[in-house]
Amino acid sequence: MKYDTQEAVFNLEYNAERSHLIIPEYGRHLQKLIDLATEIIDKDERNKAAKYIIDVMGTMNPHLRDVPDFQHKLWDQLFIMSDFKLEVDSPYPIPSREVLNQKPERLAYPQNFPKYRFYGNNIKYMIDVANKWEEGEMKNALIIVIANHMKKSFLSWNKDTVEDMVIFQHLYELSNGKIDLLKSNEELSTSYDLIKVNKKQSNKTQFGSNGKTIVKKGKNLKSNNNKQKNR
């Protein structure tokens, strides 16, 4: 048989001329099988071809055979790859194009632009909760806790002392004037104590659980084991 080079070149398939692969992971050969199955006139033969294609798809994903509803997923992919043109008896509900193309509703992303960002949004939530409480000792105690937390947050970003009146003024503004400690005699925790607490919390991350030395900020921090050896 004589080989005709011109005919061979004419029958070549280029990717630009091929149809779009809906699910490229399965390859073009499986896509062609599905396209041939949609053209089968006899319904029984189409059902046999569909089950054969499902078996082939299952062998291509052996690690997912034990996953629940795996067969359901394969049948859904079969109809999707056929562009919903395959008419066969499916053991599962047949998906529709409308459901597949349906987009979820857009979630409203909370946009918060606090005046004092170093306090964070949680402080504002706590202040709003405190405003809803009834007047009494519990509310007063909560307000003092919030004010101390605000002072600690302030010192975390501003490495300096801060007067209680500054915190009270910020609390007054964030509460829309509902919490007023400006004329009260309340005293918050000292800046020294709050900075000391912050340092203790940061030092916990400087040592590993096995007691080994960890270098941080150019300083060699020695563990207790090394101190005992030096003694």
Foldseek 3Di string as FASTA:
>chain_A
DDDDPVVVVVPDDDPVPDDDQPDPVVDDVLLVLLLVLLPDPDQVVSQVSLVVSLVVVCVVPVVCPPPPCPSVVSQQVSCVSNVNSRDHDDPDDHDDPCVVPDDDDDDDDDDDDDPDPLLPPVLLVLLVVLLPDDDDDVSVVSVLVSLQSSLLSVCVVVVDFDDSLVSQVVSCVSNVNSRHCNPPPDDHDGPVVSVVVVVVVVVVVQADPVQCWHDDPNDTDHGPVVVVVVD
